[in-house]
Protein backbone atom coordinates (compact mmCIF):
# COMPACT_ATOMS: atom_id res chain seq x y z
CA UNK A 1 -86.25 35.54 135.08
CA UNK A 2 -90.21 36.60 134.89
CA UNK A 3 -91.95 34.28 132.61
CA UNK A 4 -95.50 34.14 131.23
CA UNK A 5 -96.61 31.45 130.19
CA UNK A 6 -98.77 31.36 127.22
CA UNK A 7 -100.85 28.08 126.51
CA UNK A 8 -104.49 26.44 126.35
CA UNK A 9 -103.86 23.22 128.01
CA UNK A 10 -104.08 23.68 131.82
CA UNK A 11 -101.87 21.06 132.53
CA UNK A 12 -99.06 22.06 130.37
CA UNK A 13 -99.38 25.50 131.96
CA UNK A 14 -99.18 24.15 135.71
CA UNK A 15 -96.15 21.70 134.84
CA UNK A 16 -94.13 24.47 132.97
CA UNK A 17 -94.54 26.79 135.90
CA UNK A 18 -93.87 24.23 138.51
CA UNK A 19 -90.23 23.26 137.10
CA UNK A 20 -89.42 26.84 136.09
CA UNK A 21 -90.70 28.13 140.15
CA UNK A 22 -88.46 25.09 141.26
CA UNK A 23 -85.68 26.85 139.40
CA UNK A 24 -86.33 30.00 141.08
CA UNK A 25 -88.29 31.93 138.50
CA UNK A 26 -91.41 33.59 139.02
CA UNK A 27 -94.17 32.50 136.44
CA UNK A 28 -97.57 33.70 135.30
CA UNK A 29 -100.02 32.18 133.21
CA UNK A 30 -102.67 32.69 130.45
CA UNK A 31 -104.73 30.42 128.47
CA UNK A 32 -105.41 33.02 125.54
CA UNK A 33 -103.88 35.90 123.76
CA UNK A 34 -106.18 38.67 125.02
CA UNK A 35 -105.19 37.59 128.68
CA UNK A 36 -101.94 37.25 127.49
CA UNK A 37 -101.84 40.89 125.86
CA UNK A 38 -103.30 41.81 129.31
CA UNK A 39 -100.35 40.63 131.60
CA UNK A 40 -97.72 42.06 129.44
CA UNK A 41 -99.73 45.35 129.64
CA UNK A 42 -99.76 45.51 133.33
CA UNK A 43 -96.23 43.97 134.58
CA UNK A 44 -92.71 43.32 132.72
CA UNK A 45 -91.83 40.03 131.86
CA UNK A 46 -88.29 39.07 130.55
CA UNK A 47 -89.53 35.83 128.57
CA UNK A 48 -92.98 34.54 127.00
CA UNK A 49 -93.41 31.04 126.48
CA UNK A 50 -96.20 30.74 123.57
CA UNK A 51 -97.83 27.95 122.23
CA UNK A 52 -98.83 27.91 118.57
CA UNK A 53 -101.87 26.28 118.87
CA UNK A 54 -104.26 28.34 121.35
CA UNK A 55 -107.23 26.14 120.31
CA UNK A 56 -109.28 27.99 117.91
CA UNK A 57 -106.93 30.92 117.81
CA UNK A 58 -103.39 31.24 116.30
CA UNK A 59 -99.95 31.65 118.38
CA UNK A 60 -98.36 33.43 115.44
CA UNK A 61 -101.45 36.04 115.53
CA UNK A 62 -100.77 36.27 119.60
CA UNK A 63 -96.57 36.30 118.49
CA UNK A 64 -97.61 39.01 115.76
CA UNK A 65 -99.35 41.30 118.42
CA UNK A 66 -97.01 40.85 121.32
CA UNK A 67 -94.06 41.94 118.49
CA UNK A 68 -95.80 45.20 117.93
CA UNK A 69 -96.98 46.06 121.43
CA UNK A 70 -94.04 44.65 123.34
CA UNK A 71 -91.16 44.75 121.04
CA UNK A 72 -88.00 43.31 122.51
CA UNK A 73 -89.61 41.04 124.88
CA UNK A 74 -87.81 37.46 123.87
CA UNK A 75 -90.60 35.08 123.05
CA UNK A 76 -89.73 30.81 122.76
CA UNK A 77 -92.79 29.14 121.12
CA UNK A 78 -94.17 25.67 121.92
CA UNK A 79 -95.29 23.19 119.18
CA UNK A 80 -96.24 19.91 118.69
CA UNK A 81 -93.84 17.63 115.93
CA UNK A 82 -96.24 17.93 113.62
CA UNK A 83 -95.73 21.74 113.36
CA UNK A 84 -92.34 22.43 113.29
CA UNK A 85 -92.78 23.82 110.04
CA UNK A 86 -95.09 26.25 111.84
CA UNK A 87 -92.37 26.91 115.08
CA UNK A 88 -89.50 27.63 112.01
CA UNK A 89 -92.30 30.57 111.07
CA UNK A 90 -92.70 31.76 113.85
CA UNK A 91 -88.94 32.39 114.63
CA UNK A 92 -89.27 34.06 111.37
CA UNK A 93 -91.67 36.47 112.84
CA UNK A 94 -89.41 37.19 115.46
CA UNK A 95 -89.29 33.91 118.42
CA UNK A 96 -86.20 33.36 119.75
CA UNK A 97 -85.86 29.83 119.91
CA UNK A 98 -88.89 26.96 119.88
CA UNK A 99 -89.51 23.58 121.92
CA UNK A 100 -91.13 20.37 120.66
CA UNK A 101 -93.68 19.05 122.64
CA UNK A 102 -93.47 17.18 124.63
CA UNK A 103 -90.16 18.53 126.24
CA UNK A 104 -87.70 17.60 128.96
CA UNK A 105 -86.30 19.42 132.26
CA UNK A 106 -83.22 19.33 130.29
CA UNK A 107 -84.74 20.62 127.10
CA UNK A 108 -86.02 23.57 128.82
CA UNK A 109 -83.51 24.22 130.77
CA UNK A 110 -80.92 24.03 127.39
CA UNK A 111 -83.61 26.72 126.39
CA UNK A 112 -83.82 29.03 129.05
CA UNK A 113 -80.18 28.90 129.09
CA UNK A 114 -79.55 29.76 125.38
CA UNK A 115 -82.49 33.16 126.41
CA UNK A 116 -80.53 34.15 129.36
CA UNK A 117 -77.23 34.30 127.22
CA UNK A 118 -79.12 36.51 124.32
CA UNK A 119 -80.50 38.50 127.18
CA UNK A 120 -77.10 39.42 128.76
CA UNK A 121 -75.42 40.22 125.24
CA UNK A 122 -78.25 42.53 124.84
CA UNK A 123 -78.12 44.26 128.35
CA UNK A 124 -74.30 44.34 127.54
CA UNK A 125 -74.92 46.43 124.21
CA UNK A 126 -77.40 48.53 125.76
CA UNK A 127 -74.96 49.23 128.50
CA UNK A 128 -72.03 50.00 126.02
CA UNK A 129 -74.53 52.26 123.93
CA UNK A 130 -75.42 53.98 127.19
CA UNK A 131 -71.95 54.63 128.05
CA UNK A 132 -70.68 55.81 124.32
CA UNK A 133 -73.99 58.13 124.92
CA UNK A 134 -72.81 59.55 128.09
CA UNK A 135 -69.16 59.36 127.29
CA UNK A 136 -67.39 62.87 128.24
CA UNK A 137 -63.60 63.83 128.51
CA UNK A 138 -64.13 64.25 132.24
CA UNK A 139 -64.25 60.01 131.87
CA UNK A 140 -60.19 60.10 130.74
CA UNK A 141 -58.47 59.51 134.58
CA UNK A 142 -55.80 62.37 133.84
CA UNK A 143 -54.85 65.43 135.88
CA UNK A 144 -52.47 67.81 136.22
CA UNK A 145 -53.20 67.91 139.98
CA UNK A 146 -51.17 65.94 142.08
CA UNK A 147 -53.60 65.41 144.74
CA UNK A 148 -56.30 63.75 142.17
CA UNK A 149 -53.42 62.08 140.46
CA UNK A 150 -52.65 60.24 144.14
CA UNK A 151 -56.79 59.72 144.26
CA UNK A 152 -56.53 58.03 140.80
CA UNK A 153 -53.68 55.98 141.92
CA UNK A 154 -55.52 54.49 145.11
CA UNK A 155 -58.43 53.70 143.21
CA UNK A 156 -57.06 51.88 140.69
CA UNK A 157 -54.54 50.00 142.92
CA UNK A 158 -57.56 48.96 145.15
CA UNK A 159 -59.80 48.41 141.83
CA UNK A 160 -58.14 44.61 141.70
CA UNK A 161 -59.08 43.49 144.94
CA UNK A 162 -62.67 42.47 146.54
CA UNK A 163 -62.44 45.06 149.36
CA UNK A 164 -65.63 47.79 149.36
CA UNK A 165 -64.38 51.31 148.10
CA UNK A 166 -66.34 54.15 149.60
CA UNK A 167 -66.01 57.29 147.16
CA UNK A 168 -66.68 61.14 149.03
CA UNK A 169 -67.28 64.36 147.46
CA UNK A 170 -69.75 67.07 146.70
CA UNK A 171 -71.98 66.56 143.69
CA UNK A 172 -70.95 66.56 140.79
CA UNK A 173 -67.25 65.76 140.94
CA UNK A 174 -67.11 62.42 139.58
CA UNK A 175 -68.30 60.14 141.74
CA UNK A 176 -70.02 57.88 139.75
CA UNK A 177 -67.62 58.26 136.43
CA UNK A 178 -64.68 57.15 139.01
CA UNK A 179 -66.82 54.01 140.27
CA UNK A 180 -67.81 52.98 136.91
CA UNK A 181 -63.86 53.38 136.09
CA UNK A 182 -63.19 50.99 139.40
CA UNK A 183 -65.34 48.20 138.26
CA UNK A 184 -64.01 48.39 134.48
CA UNK A 185 -60.31 47.83 135.92
CA UNK A 186 -61.30 44.78 138.05
CA UNK A 187 -61.84 41.14 137.48
CA UNK A 188 -65.28 41.54 137.48
CA UNK A 189 -65.19 43.87 134.15
CA UNK A 190 -67.60 41.66 132.21
CA UNK A 191 -69.99 41.25 134.57
CA UNK A 192 -72.83 44.15 135.41
CA UNK A 193 -72.33 47.43 137.14
CA UNK A 194 -75.75 48.27 138.76
CA UNK A 195 -76.51 51.37 140.45
CA UNK A 196 -78.83 51.91 143.36
CA UNK A 197 -79.90 55.54 144.01
CA UNK A 198 -81.43 55.69 147.70
CA UNK A 199 -83.13 59.58 147.65
CA UNK A 200 -86.24 60.29 147.00
CA UNK A 201 -87.82 56.49 147.23
CA UNK A 202 -89.35 55.19 150.49
CA UNK A 203 -88.37 52.84 152.72
CA UNK A 204 -89.93 50.04 151.13
CA UNK A 205 -89.14 50.83 147.47
CA UNK A 206 -85.33 51.35 148.86
CA UNK A 207 -85.62 47.56 150.22
CA UNK A 208 -87.40 46.42 147.38
CA UNK A 209 -84.94 47.88 144.70
CA UNK A 210 -82.18 46.88 146.50
CA UNK A 211 -83.33 43.29 147.72
CA UNK A 212 -86.08 42.48 145.58
CA UNK A 213 -89.76 41.33 146.90
CA UNK A 214 -91.90 38.44 147.13
CA UNK A 215 -95.82 39.22 145.67
CA UNK A 216 -98.00 40.29 148.77
CA UNK A 217 -94.86 41.28 150.92
CA UNK A 218 -96.23 45.20 151.05
CA UNK A 219 -98.97 47.21 148.67
CA UNK A 220 -98.42 47.32 145.30
CA UNK A 221 -96.24 44.33 145.24
CA UNK A 222 -98.59 42.50 142.66
CA UNK A 223 -95.42 39.90 141.71
CA UNK A 224 -92.30 38.83 142.76
CA UNK A 225 -89.42 40.90 141.75
CA UNK A 226 -85.48 40.53 142.10
CA UNK A 227 -83.66 43.00 143.48
CA UNK A 228 -80.28 44.84 142.13
CA UNK A 229 -78.13 42.72 144.67
CA UNK A 230 -79.53 39.93 142.08
CA UNK A 231 -79.03 41.86 138.85
CA UNK A 232 -75.07 42.89 140.25
CA UNK A 233 -74.51 38.98 140.66
CA UNK A 234 -70.67 38.60 139.48
CA UNK A 235 -70.29 42.40 138.88
CA UNK A 236 -70.53 45.54 141.26
CA UNK A 237 -73.01 46.95 142.77
CA UNK A 238 -72.82 51.01 143.15
CA UNK A 239 -74.84 52.60 146.12
CA UNK A 240 -74.85 56.07 145.39
CA UNK A 241 -75.69 58.67 148.00
CA UNK A 242 -75.19 55.81 150.94
CA UNK A 243 -75.43 58.32 153.31
CA UNK A 244 -79.32 58.43 152.36
CA UNK A 245 -80.06 54.90 153.22
CA UNK A 246 -82.74 54.67 156.41
CA UNK A 247 -81.04 53.48 159.67
CA UNK A 248 -83.46 50.17 159.67
CA UNK A 249 -82.17 49.14 156.18
CA UNK A 250 -78.40 50.06 156.90
CA UNK A 251 -78.58 47.12 159.07
CA UNK A 252 -79.25 44.45 156.32
CA UNK A 253 -76.70 46.35 154.28
CA UNK A 254 -74.19 45.58 156.45
CA UNK A 255 -75.08 41.90 156.82
CA UNK A 256 -74.19 42.22 152.98
CA UNK A 257 -71.06 43.08 153.17
CA UNK A 258 -69.88 40.94 156.22
CA UNK A 259 -71.63 37.71 155.35
CA UNK A 260 -73.01 38.12 151.58
CA UNK A 261 -76.34 37.23 152.77
CA UNK A 262 -79.49 38.76 152.14
CA UNK A 263 -83.48 38.17 152.20
CA UNK A 264 -85.97 39.49 149.54
CA UNK A 265 -88.74 41.79 151.50
CA UNK A 266 -91.42 38.88 152.47
CA UNK A 267 -89.41 35.61 152.42
CA UNK A 268 -87.65 34.09 154.77
CA UNK A 269 -85.17 32.28 152.18
CA UNK A 270 -81.59 33.20 152.85
CA UNK A 271 -79.62 33.83 149.59
CA UNK A 272 -75.98 34.58 149.02
CA UNK A 273 -74.68 37.41 146.99
CA UNK A 274 -71.46 37.65 145.14
CA UNK A 275 -70.96 41.23 144.36
CA UNK A 276 -68.45 43.95 144.84
CA UNK A 277 -69.72 47.32 146.99
CA UNK A 278 -68.50 50.73 145.90
CA UNK A 279 -70.49 53.60 147.84
CA UNK A 280 -70.54 57.10 147.25
CA UNK A 281 -71.84 60.37 149.43
CA UNK A 282 -71.72 63.76 149.45
CA UNK A 283 -72.58 63.61 153.00
CA UNK A 284 -70.07 63.73 156.08
CA UNK A 285 -70.29 60.52 157.07
CA UNK A 286 -68.06 60.97 160.47
CA UNK A 287 -71.02 63.89 161.15
CA UNK A 288 -73.43 61.59 160.34
CA UNK A 289 -72.20 58.51 162.95
CA UNK A 290 -71.88 61.28 165.40
CA UNK A 291 -75.33 62.22 165.07
CA UNK A 292 -76.73 59.44 165.13
CA UNK A 293 -77.80 58.81 161.42
CA UNK A 294 -75.45 56.70 160.27
CA UNK A 295 -74.27 53.16 161.69
CA UNK A 296 -70.86 53.06 163.15
CA UNK A 297 -70.12 49.49 162.02
CA UNK A 298 -71.39 50.19 158.60
CA UNK A 299 -69.39 53.56 158.36
CA UNK A 300 -66.25 51.24 159.19
CA UNK A 301 -67.11 48.14 156.95
CA UNK A 302 -67.46 50.90 154.07
CA UNK A 303 -64.52 52.81 155.02
CA UNK A 304 -62.03 50.14 153.98
CA UNK A 305 -60.58 52.27 151.24
CA UNK A 306 -61.96 55.65 150.92
CA UNK A 307 -61.05 58.46 148.71
CA UNK A 308 -62.61 62.25 148.25
CA UNK A 309 -62.97 63.41 144.57
CA UNK A 310 -62.26 67.14 145.16
CA UNK A 311 -64.56 69.93 143.87
CA UNK A 312 -63.59 71.61 140.30
CA UNK A 313 -62.37 74.86 142.49
CA UNK A 314 -59.58 72.80 144.02
CA UNK A 315 -58.82 72.14 140.91
CA UNK A 316 -57.51 75.03 138.88
CA UNK A 317 -54.77 72.96 136.70
CA UNK A 318 -57.56 70.79 135.59
CA UNK A 319 -60.44 73.59 134.76
CA UNK A 320 -58.98 74.65 131.71
CA UNK A 321 -58.30 71.09 129.84
CA UNK A 322 -62.06 70.03 130.67
CA UNK A 323 -63.08 73.14 129.35
CA UNK A 324 -61.26 72.77 126.30
CA UNK A 325 -62.32 68.79 125.70
CA UNK A 326 -66.06 69.79 126.79
CA UNK A 327 -66.01 72.00 123.65
CA UNK A 328 -63.98 69.62 121.33
CA UNK A 329 -66.61 66.63 122.50
CA UNK A 330 -70.26 68.49 121.67
CA UNK A 331 -68.49 70.24 118.91
CA UNK A 332 -68.23 66.38 117.39
CA UNK A 333 -71.92 65.87 118.71
CA UNK A 334 -73.84 68.59 117.26
CA UNK A 335 -71.11 69.00 113.88
CA UNK A 336 -70.38 72.65 114.63
CA UNK A 337 -66.77 74.07 113.72
CA UNK A 338 -65.17 75.64 116.94
CA UNK A 339 -61.55 77.23 117.49
CA UNK A 340 -62.59 76.86 121.43
CA UNK A 341 -62.56 79.11 123.94
CA UNK A 342 -61.84 82.91 123.81
CA UNK A 343 -59.39 84.71 126.06
CA UNK A 344 -62.43 86.39 127.57
CA UNK A 345 -64.46 83.11 128.05
CA UNK A 346 -61.35 81.44 129.86
CA UNK A 347 -61.18 84.40 132.14
CA UNK A 348 -64.63 83.66 133.09
CA UNK A 349 -64.70 79.91 133.30
CA UNK A 350 -61.15 80.34 135.94
CA UNK A 351 -63.28 83.25 137.50
CA UNK A 352 -66.32 81.10 138.39
CA UNK A 353 -66.45 78.97 141.28
CA UNK A 354 -68.04 76.28 139.82
CA UNK A 355 -70.39 75.06 142.43
CA UNK A 356 -71.96 72.17 140.63
CA UNK A 357 -68.57 71.31 139.62
CA UNK A 358 -67.90 68.80 136.26
CA UNK A 359 -71.80 68.59 135.86
CA UNK A 360 -72.25 72.50 135.74
CA UNK A 361 -69.15 73.04 133.67
CA UNK A 362 -70.63 70.31 131.15
CA UNK A 363 -73.94 71.92 130.96
CA UNK A 364 -72.24 75.49 130.70
CA UNK A 365 -70.25 74.33 128.04
CA UNK A 366 -72.92 72.13 126.43
CA UNK A 367 -75.21 74.99 126.17
CA UNK A 368 -72.10 77.42 124.55
CA UNK A 369 -71.39 75.22 121.99
CA UNK A 370 -75.51 75.24 120.78
CA UNK A 371 -76.08 78.99 121.16
CA UNK A 372 -73.00 80.20 120.16
CA UNK A 373 -72.95 82.31 116.88
CA UNK A 374 -69.44 82.73 115.72
CA UNK A 375 -66.23 80.32 115.44
CA UNK A 376 -65.26 80.38 119.26
CA UNK A 377 -67.20 80.62 123.03
CA UNK A 378 -66.99 83.78 124.25
CA UNK A 379 -67.68 85.29 127.89
CA UNK A 380 -71.42 85.98 126.29
CA UNK A 381 -72.30 82.36 125.31
CA UNK A 382 -71.44 81.64 128.97
CA UNK A 383 -74.41 80.97 131.48
CA UNK A 384 -72.38 81.75 134.77
CA UNK A 385 -74.87 84.86 135.37
CA UNK A 386 -74.07 87.49 138.02
CA UNK A 387 -71.45 85.08 139.71
CA UNK A 388 -68.77 86.04 137.37
CA UNK A 389 -69.89 89.44 136.01
CA UNK A 390 -69.26 91.01 139.60
CA UNK A 391 -65.94 89.49 139.84
CA UNK A 392 -63.38 92.44 139.19
CA UNK A 393 -60.73 90.63 137.12
CA UNK A 394 -58.03 93.59 138.08
CA UNK A 395 -55.96 90.96 139.93
CA UNK A 396 -55.09 89.28 136.67
CA UNK A 397 -53.10 92.08 135.66
CA UNK A 398 -51.07 91.56 139.20
CA UNK A 399 -48.26 88.93 139.24
CA UNK A 400 -44.94 88.46 140.96
CA UNK A 401 -42.04 90.49 139.77
CA UNK A 402 -44.67 93.56 139.42
CA UNK A 403 -44.32 96.96 140.83
CA UNK A 404 -46.30 96.89 143.57
CA UNK A 405 -46.52 96.44 147.30
CA UNK A 406 -46.57 92.93 149.06
CA UNK A 407 -49.67 94.02 150.55
CA UNK A 408 -51.57 94.71 147.29
CA UNK A 409 -50.32 91.41 146.05
CA UNK A 410 -51.58 89.80 149.03
CA UNK A 411 -54.72 91.74 148.90
CA UNK A 412 -55.12 90.53 145.15
CA UNK A 413 -54.64 86.72 146.01
CA UNK A 414 -56.72 86.40 148.63
CA UNK A 415 -59.33 88.30 146.75
CA UNK A 416 -58.98 85.73 144.18
CA UNK A 417 -59.00 82.87 146.30
CA UNK A 418 -62.24 84.25 147.90
CA UNK A 419 -64.09 84.89 144.38
CA UNK A 420 -62.55 81.51 143.20
CA UNK A 421 -63.29 79.20 146.18
CA UNK A 422 -66.71 79.46 148.37
CA UNK A 423 -65.59 77.73 151.30
CA UNK A 424 -63.36 79.81 153.83
CA UNK A 425 -61.62 76.64 155.42
CA UNK A 426 -60.61 75.62 151.72
CA UNK A 427 -59.26 79.13 151.33
CA UNK A 428 -57.50 79.27 154.93
CA UNK A 429 -55.96 75.63 153.74
CA UNK A 430 -54.44 77.03 150.38
CA UNK A 431 -52.83 80.00 152.03
CA UNK A 432 -51.62 78.01 154.90
CA UNK A 433 -53.34 79.67 157.77
CA UNK A 434 -55.99 79.27 160.22
CA UNK A 435 -59.51 80.40 159.47
CA UNK A 436 -59.10 82.76 162.46
CA UNK A 437 -55.97 84.58 160.98
CA UNK A 438 -57.76 84.14 157.21
CA UNK A 439 -60.80 86.52 159.25
CA UNK A 440 -58.78 88.90 160.82
CA UNK A 441 -57.09 89.50 157.14
CA UNK A 442 -60.21 90.16 155.45
CA UNK A 443 -61.03 92.44 157.78
CA UNK A 444 -58.04 94.39 157.76
CA UNK A 445 -57.60 94.53 154.08
CA UNK A 446 -61.15 95.20 153.62
CA UNK A 447 -62.47 92.13 151.70
CA UNK A 448 -66.10 90.87 152.47
CA UNK A 449 -67.86 87.65 150.52
CA UNK A 450 -70.72 88.20 148.74
């Protein structure tokens, strides 16, 4: 933990600081209330150790200011035997515990242990609240698609093993939801699920975020920092967009995977890590290996259990089910009484290719639920733009057994697939032909992609 010690006696500050740093905690010291509040405004701490008597200053007054300006930071008060009554008053005012002076190393350790347990409970509550707030129908792992059911089966069978899992797929296909589901189905479900996002951060910040750093190791490192590997101890470390990880950090990640060892930035102490690795990316890692932008040995180390979350355009069986569930979900959140999607809205949902996948569908339905004026969502409520309105839905009227030629039926079918699926290779795969044949058919039938 990162701990701030507030005491007017230097010998107490130094001795407590030494005890805590010997136990791998980071400490800073302050000898009065103003100095303590300044430190709290400049950096984050997980605990404040506060003396009740700060010379002429009352520790209770400082406690009140800490509670007001930095709510949520646990405070433990130091007190002499004669002021135990004051310590009780401090706890009434918000302190979590107290230590009676003089105290032993064992007594300090016991108090810290209670605080750490309290913090873990708080973090778990916050995590549960976050999950409830972000809960959505796609978190239910059911599907009418045999392909998707097979993917879920692999994930849940692998969840009970310690093996690394690599989840591939386009943005918005539910990779994070799948990773969290693996964690919840594993023996580590009662431990932390920690996410590391690599895009948008500098190399130094990525390494610090992942492994941690010591004070002075780089510009801006004004204090020690424990990284997310430490935070995920005993639980699951989810490496989102692993394909964006800089090459020099890939070697350190490989060591973490192979030997379960790492060092914080700026120190030589080797530390052990008890974490389960789940990684995800929307990149073609095999292609990145061939291009020399991703280590081959790291790829094979991650590639123990690999699944690909299919894009929404390959899940027509689930599309209307997801859309309907989203309507119920957001209608409940916003207090709307809605019947669901109108028939024309369903046609538009099926016609759209959903390049943003589940994320785009979720946002579109949420907006529609908020803005629709009737008791059901119509196509006018869906923010799908020209991508759908340009589509001719006449092909919906054509079906097997209708009085039409095979060429007309083939034309309608290929046209519908081209509008629904943006990738020609995927269209060819669905049709069971190669891309060259698809090209010739498109030319012969007069079909073009907008």
